[in-house]
Amino acid sequence: MKVQELYSQLEADYENVISRLATEDRVAKYLHKFTQTTDYNDLQTAVNAGDWEKAFLAVHTLKGMALNLGFSKLASVSSSLTEELRGGLKSESAALSYFSQVTEEYKRTIEAINMLEI
């Protein structure tokens, strides 16, 4: 799969990312780096431990990276969880539901990146 195909498959914002990063090679480099970050694992660990403050920090960082890479869906679900946790946990059931959505979209994104022809 090529970079532009990946963005199409994920319904992500390829045009915005390529306008900022200029080349597909550079985009691919950052996509590969995204797969190596620990933010999702940090989020999962924090949620499992019920540490909502650490979960907020991890998902906030994940949201920022998703926005920078044009992953609209991942950014959107991460934003929902971020807002649920901003200022402290509002509803554990809502937070867990949003976390489930983040997990699903994160896995979908990573699977697509791993299919890139580099």
N, C-alpha and C. Protein backbone atom coordinates (compact mmCIF):
# COMPACT_ATOMS: atom_id res chain seq x y z
N MET A 1 0.84 -1.17 0.00
CA MET A 1 0.00 0.00 0.00
C MET A 1 0.89 1.24 0.00
N LYS A 2 0.50 2.23 -0.73
CA LYS A 2 1.20 3.52 -0.79
C LYS A 2 0.61 4.46 0.26
N VAL A 3 1.33 5.53 0.55
CA VAL A 3 0.93 6.48 1.59
C VAL A 3 -0.45 7.07 1.29
N GLN A 4 -0.66 7.52 0.07
CA GLN A 4 -1.94 8.13 -0.27
C GLN A 4 -3.08 7.12 -0.14
N GLU A 5 -2.83 5.87 -0.48
CA GLU A 5 -3.85 4.82 -0.32
C GLU A 5 -4.18 4.61 1.15
N LEU A 6 -3.15 4.65 2.00
CA LEU A 6 -3.37 4.52 3.44
C LEU A 6 -4.30 5.60 3.93
N TYR A 7 -4.03 6.82 3.53
CA TYR A 7 -4.87 7.95 3.96
C TYR A 7 -6.30 7.81 3.44
N SER A 8 -6.44 7.32 2.23
CA SER A 8 -7.77 7.10 1.68
C SER A 8 -8.51 6.02 2.47
N GLN A 9 -7.82 4.92 2.76
CA GLN A 9 -8.42 3.82 3.52
C GLN A 9 -8.88 4.28 4.90
N LEU A 10 -8.08 5.15 5.54
CA LEU A 10 -8.41 5.63 6.89
C LEU A 10 -9.32 6.86 6.87
N GLU A 11 -9.69 7.30 5.67
CA GLU A 11 -10.48 8.53 5.52
C GLU A 11 -9.80 9.67 6.27
N ALA A 12 -8.48 9.76 6.07
CA ALA A 12 -7.66 10.76 6.75
C ALA A 12 -7.33 11.90 5.78
N ASP A 13 -6.74 12.96 6.32
CA ASP A 13 -6.51 14.19 5.56
C ASP A 13 -5.12 14.20 4.91
N TYR A 14 -4.99 13.48 3.82
CA TYR A 14 -3.73 13.38 3.09
C TYR A 14 -3.26 14.74 2.59
N GLU A 15 -4.14 15.51 2.01
CA GLU A 15 -3.77 16.80 1.39
C GLU A 15 -3.14 17.74 2.41
N ASN A 16 -3.69 17.79 3.60
CA ASN A 16 -3.14 18.66 4.64
C ASN A 16 -1.75 18.20 5.05
N VAL A 17 -1.59 16.91 5.25
CA VAL A 17 -0.31 16.37 5.70
C VAL A 17 0.76 16.55 4.63
N ILE A 18 0.44 16.26 3.38
CA ILE A 18 1.43 16.38 2.32
C ILE A 18 1.78 17.85 2.09
N SER A 19 0.84 18.75 2.31
CA SER A 19 1.15 20.18 2.14
C SER A 19 2.14 20.66 3.21
N ARG A 20 2.11 20.05 4.38
CA ARG A 20 3.04 20.45 5.44
C ARG A 20 4.36 19.69 5.38
N LEU A 21 4.33 18.41 5.03
CA LEU A 21 5.54 17.60 5.05
C LEU A 21 6.22 17.47 3.69
N ALA A 22 5.53 17.86 2.64
CA ALA A 22 6.08 18.03 1.29
C ALA A 22 6.27 16.75 0.48
N THR A 23 6.74 15.66 1.08
CA THR A 23 6.99 14.45 0.29
C THR A 23 6.38 13.22 0.99
N GLU A 24 6.05 12.23 0.18
CA GLU A 24 5.53 10.98 0.75
C GLU A 24 6.58 10.26 1.58
N ASP A 25 7.84 10.39 1.21
CA ASP A 25 8.90 9.76 2.01
C ASP A 25 8.93 10.34 3.42
N ARG A 26 8.77 11.64 3.52
CA ARG A 26 8.77 12.28 4.84
C ARG A 26 7.53 11.87 5.63
N VAL A 27 6.39 11.82 4.97
CA VAL A 27 5.16 11.36 5.63
C VAL A 27 5.36 9.94 6.14
N ALA A 28 5.90 9.06 5.29
CA ALA A 28 6.13 7.67 5.67
C ALA A 28 7.06 7.57 6.87
N LYS A 29 8.06 8.42 6.91
CA LYS A 29 8.99 8.44 8.05
C LYS A 29 8.24 8.73 9.35
N TYR A 30 7.36 9.72 9.33
CA TYR A 30 6.61 10.07 10.54
C TYR A 30 5.55 9.03 10.87
N LEU A 31 5.00 8.40 9.86
CA LEU A 31 4.05 7.32 10.12
C LEU A 31 4.76 6.17 10.84
N HIS A 32 5.95 5.84 10.38
CA HIS A 32 6.73 4.79 11.03
C HIS A 32 7.05 5.18 12.48
N LYS A 33 7.42 6.42 12.70
CA LYS A 33 7.72 6.89 14.07
C LYS A 33 6.47 6.80 14.95
N PHE A 34 5.31 7.08 14.36
CA PHE A 34 4.06 7.01 15.12
C PHE A 34 3.84 5.60 15.67
N THR A 35 4.20 4.59 14.90
CA THR A 35 4.01 3.21 15.36
C THR A 35 4.94 2.86 16.52
N GLN A 36 5.96 3.66 16.73
CA GLN A 36 6.95 3.37 17.77
C GLN A 36 6.72 4.17 19.06
N THR A 37 5.76 5.08 19.06
CA THR A 37 5.51 5.85 20.27
C THR A 37 4.83 4.97 21.32
N THR A 38 4.96 5.36 22.57
CA THR A 38 4.38 4.57 23.67
C THR A 38 3.09 5.17 24.20
N ASP A 39 2.59 6.21 23.58
CA ASP A 39 1.44 6.93 24.14
C ASP A 39 0.19 6.06 24.27
N TYR A 40 -0.10 5.25 23.27
CA TYR A 40 -1.27 4.38 23.39
C TYR A 40 -1.06 3.37 24.52
N ASN A 41 0.12 2.76 24.59
CA ASN A 41 0.41 1.80 25.66
C ASN A 41 0.33 2.48 27.03
N ASP A 42 0.83 3.72 27.11
CA ASP A 42 0.74 4.48 28.37
C ASP A 42 -0.72 4.72 28.73
N LEU A 43 -1.53 5.04 27.73
CA LEU A 43 -2.96 5.25 27.95
C LEU A 43 -3.62 3.97 28.45
N GLN A 44 -3.33 2.87 27.80
CA GLN A 44 -3.92 1.59 28.19
C GLN A 44 -3.52 1.22 29.63
N THR A 45 -2.26 1.39 29.96
CA THR A 45 -1.79 1.10 31.31
C THR A 45 -2.49 1.97 32.34
N ALA A 46 -2.61 3.26 32.03
CA ALA A 46 -3.26 4.20 32.96
C ALA A 46 -4.74 3.87 33.14
N VAL A 47 -5.43 3.56 32.06
CA VAL A 47 -6.85 3.21 32.16
C VAL A 47 -7.01 1.94 32.99
N ASN A 48 -6.19 0.94 32.72
CA ASN A 48 -6.28 -0.32 33.47
C ASN A 48 -6.01 -0.12 34.96
N ALA A 49 -5.16 0.85 35.28
CA ALA A 49 -4.83 1.14 36.68
C ALA A 49 -5.80 2.14 37.31
N GLY A 50 -6.71 2.69 36.50
CA GLY A 50 -7.64 3.69 37.01
C GLY A 50 -6.96 5.02 37.31
N ASP A 51 -5.81 5.26 36.67
CA ASP A 51 -5.08 6.52 36.85
C ASP A 51 -5.51 7.48 35.75
N TRP A 52 -6.60 8.18 36.01
CA TRP A 52 -7.23 9.01 34.98
C TRP A 52 -6.41 10.25 34.65
N GLU A 53 -5.58 10.72 35.59
CA GLU A 53 -4.72 11.87 35.30
C GLU A 53 -3.66 11.49 34.26
N LYS A 54 -3.02 10.33 34.45
CA LYS A 54 -2.05 9.86 33.47
C LYS A 54 -2.73 9.50 32.15
N ALA A 55 -3.94 8.97 32.23
CA ALA A 55 -4.69 8.66 31.02
C ALA A 55 -4.96 9.93 30.22
N PHE A 56 -5.31 11.00 30.91
CA PHE A 56 -5.55 12.28 30.24
C PHE A 56 -4.30 12.73 29.49
N LEU A 57 -3.15 12.70 30.16
CA LEU A 57 -1.91 13.14 29.53
C LEU A 57 -1.58 12.29 28.30
N ALA A 58 -1.75 10.99 28.42
CA ALA A 58 -1.43 10.10 27.30
C ALA A 58 -2.37 10.30 26.12
N VAL A 59 -3.66 10.39 26.39
CA VAL A 59 -4.61 10.55 25.27
C VAL A 59 -4.51 11.94 24.66
N HIS A 60 -4.17 12.93 25.46
CA HIS A 60 -3.98 14.29 24.92
C HIS A 60 -2.80 14.29 23.93
N THR A 61 -1.73 13.61 24.28
CA THR A 61 -0.57 13.50 23.39
C THR A 61 -0.93 12.71 22.13
N LEU A 62 -1.64 11.61 22.30
CA LEU A 62 -2.07 10.80 21.17
C LEU A 62 -2.95 11.62 20.22
N LYS A 63 -3.84 12.41 20.79
CA LYS A 63 -4.71 13.26 19.97
C LYS A 63 -3.87 14.25 19.14
N GLY A 64 -2.88 14.85 19.76
CA GLY A 64 -2.02 15.80 19.06
C GLY A 64 -1.27 15.16 17.90
N MET A 65 -0.74 13.97 18.14
CA MET A 65 -0.04 13.27 17.06
C MET A 65 -1.00 12.90 15.95
N ALA A 66 -2.19 12.45 16.30
CA ALA A 66 -3.19 12.09 15.29
C ALA A 66 -3.56 13.32 14.44
N LEU A 67 -3.72 14.45 15.09
CA LEU A 67 -4.02 15.68 14.35
C LEU A 67 -2.88 16.05 13.41
N ASN A 68 -1.65 15.97 13.90
CA ASN A 68 -0.49 16.32 13.08
C ASN A 68 -0.34 15.41 11.87
N LEU A 69 -0.75 14.15 12.01
CA LEU A 69 -0.64 13.20 10.91
C LEU A 69 -1.91 13.12 10.06
N GLY A 70 -2.91 13.92 10.40
CA GLY A 70 -4.13 13.97 9.59
C GLY A 70 -5.08 12.82 9.83
N PHE A 71 -4.92 12.09 10.94
CA PHE A 71 -5.80 10.98 11.27
C PHE A 71 -7.05 11.51 11.97
N SER A 72 -7.99 11.98 11.19
CA SER A 72 -9.18 12.67 11.70
C SER A 72 -10.00 11.81 12.66
N LYS A 73 -10.22 10.56 12.30
CA LYS A 73 -11.06 9.70 13.15
C LYS A 73 -10.38 9.41 14.48
N LEU A 74 -9.09 9.09 14.45
CA LEU A 74 -8.36 8.84 15.69
C LEU A 74 -8.31 10.10 16.54
N ALA A 75 -8.11 11.23 15.90
CA ALA A 75 -8.08 12.50 16.63
C ALA A 75 -9.44 12.79 17.27
N SER A 76 -10.51 12.50 16.55
CA SER A 76 -11.85 12.76 17.05
C SER A 76 -12.18 11.93 18.29
N VAL A 77 -11.93 10.62 18.21
CA VAL A 77 -12.25 9.77 19.37
C VAL A 77 -11.31 10.07 20.53
N SER A 78 -10.06 10.41 20.22
CA SER A 78 -9.11 10.79 21.27
C SER A 78 -9.54 12.10 21.93
N SER A 79 -10.07 13.00 21.14
CA SER A 79 -10.57 14.27 21.67
C SER A 79 -11.75 14.05 22.61
N SER A 80 -12.62 13.13 22.25
CA SER A 80 -13.77 12.83 23.12
C SER A 80 -13.30 12.32 24.48
N LEU A 81 -12.32 11.42 24.47
CA LEU A 81 -11.79 10.91 25.73
C LEU A 81 -11.05 12.01 26.49
N THR A 82 -10.30 12.81 25.77
CA THR A 82 -9.58 13.93 26.41
C THR A 82 -10.56 14.83 27.14
N GLU A 83 -11.65 15.19 26.50
CA GLU A 83 -12.62 16.09 27.12
C GLU A 83 -13.35 15.42 28.29
N GLU A 84 -13.56 14.12 28.20
CA GLU A 84 -14.19 13.39 29.30
C GLU A 84 -13.29 13.41 30.53
N LEU A 85 -11.98 13.44 30.32
CA LEU A 85 -11.02 13.40 31.43
C LEU A 85 -10.50 14.76 31.85
N ARG A 86 -10.75 15.79 31.04
CA ARG A 86 -10.23 17.13 31.35
C ARG A 86 -10.80 17.61 32.69
N GLY A 87 -9.91 17.96 33.59
CA GLY A 87 -10.35 18.44 34.90
C GLY A 87 -10.73 17.31 35.84
N GLY A 88 -10.47 16.10 35.47
CA GLY A 88 -10.81 14.94 36.31
C GLY A 88 -11.88 14.09 35.66
N LEU A 89 -11.94 12.87 36.10
CA LEU A 89 -12.90 11.91 35.56
C LEU A 89 -14.34 12.37 35.82
N LYS A 90 -15.13 12.44 34.76
CA LYS A 90 -16.54 12.82 34.89
C LYS A 90 -17.42 11.58 35.05
N SER A 91 -17.18 10.59 34.18
CA SER A 91 -17.97 9.36 34.21
C SER A 91 -17.08 8.20 33.77
N GLU A 92 -16.89 7.24 34.65
CA GLU A 92 -16.02 6.12 34.31
C GLU A 92 -16.59 5.33 33.14
N SER A 93 -17.88 5.13 33.11
CA SER A 93 -18.47 4.35 32.01
C SER A 93 -18.29 5.08 30.68
N ALA A 94 -18.45 6.39 30.67
CA ALA A 94 -18.23 7.15 29.43
C ALA A 94 -16.76 7.10 29.04
N ALA A 95 -15.87 7.24 30.01
CA ALA A 95 -14.43 7.20 29.72
C ALA A 95 -14.05 5.85 29.13
N LEU A 96 -14.56 4.79 29.70
CA LEU A 96 -14.25 3.44 29.19
C LEU A 96 -14.81 3.23 27.79
N SER A 97 -15.98 3.79 27.54
CA SER A 97 -16.57 3.69 26.20
C SER A 97 -15.70 4.44 25.18
N TYR A 98 -15.28 5.65 25.53
CA TYR A 98 -14.40 6.42 24.64
C TYR A 98 -13.06 5.70 24.46
N PHE A 99 -12.54 5.12 25.54
CA PHE A 99 -11.27 4.39 25.44
C PHE A 99 -11.42 3.23 24.47
N SER A 100 -12.53 2.54 24.51
CA SER A 100 -12.78 1.44 23.58
C SER A 100 -12.76 1.94 22.13
N GLN A 101 -13.35 3.10 21.89
CA GLN A 101 -13.36 3.69 20.55
C GLN A 101 -11.94 4.08 20.12
N VAL A 102 -11.17 4.66 21.06
CA VAL A 102 -9.78 5.01 20.77
C VAL A 102 -9.00 3.75 20.40
N THR A 103 -9.18 2.71 21.18
CA THR A 103 -8.48 1.44 20.94
C THR A 103 -8.78 0.90 19.55
N GLU A 104 -10.04 0.89 19.20
CA GLU A 104 -10.45 0.37 17.89
C GLU A 104 -9.82 1.18 16.76
N GLU A 105 -9.88 2.49 16.85
CA GLU A 105 -9.34 3.33 15.78
C GLU A 105 -7.82 3.31 15.77
N TYR A 106 -7.20 3.25 16.93
CA TYR A 106 -5.74 3.17 17.00
C TYR A 106 -5.26 1.89 16.32
N LYS A 107 -5.88 0.78 16.65
CA LYS A 107 -5.47 -0.50 16.05
C LYS A 107 -5.67 -0.49 14.54
N ARG A 108 -6.76 0.07 14.09
CA ARG A 108 -7.03 0.18 12.65
C ARG A 108 -5.95 1.01 11.96
N THR A 109 -5.55 2.09 12.62
CA THR A 109 -4.53 2.98 12.07
C THR A 109 -3.17 2.28 12.01
N ILE A 110 -2.79 1.63 13.09
CA ILE A 110 -1.50 0.93 13.14
C ILE A 110 -1.47 -0.20 12.11
N GLU A 111 -2.55 -0.94 11.98
CA GLU A 111 -2.60 -2.02 10.98
C GLU A 111 -2.40 -1.47 9.58
N ALA A 112 -3.01 -0.35 9.28
CA ALA A 112 -2.86 0.26 7.96
C ALA A 112 -1.42 0.72 7.74
N ILE A 113 -0.83 1.35 8.74
CA ILE A 113 0.55 1.81 8.61
C ILE A 113 1.48 0.63 8.38
N ASN A 114 1.23 -0.45 9.09
CA ASN A 114 2.09 -1.64 8.94
C ASN A 114 1.98 -2.28 7.56
N MET A 115 0.98 -1.90 6.79
CA MET A 115 0.83 -2.44 5.43
C MET A 115 1.50 -1.55 4.38
N LEU A 116 2.11 -0.45 4.83
CA LEU A 116 2.78 0.46 3.90
C LEU A 116 3.94 -0.23 3.19
N GLU A 117 4.11 0.11 1.94
CA GLU A 117 5.30 -0.33 1.18
C GLU A 117 6.37 0.71 1.39
N ILE A 118 7.35 0.34 2.22
CA ILE A 118 8.41 1.32 2.52
C ILE A 118 9.70 0.90 1.85
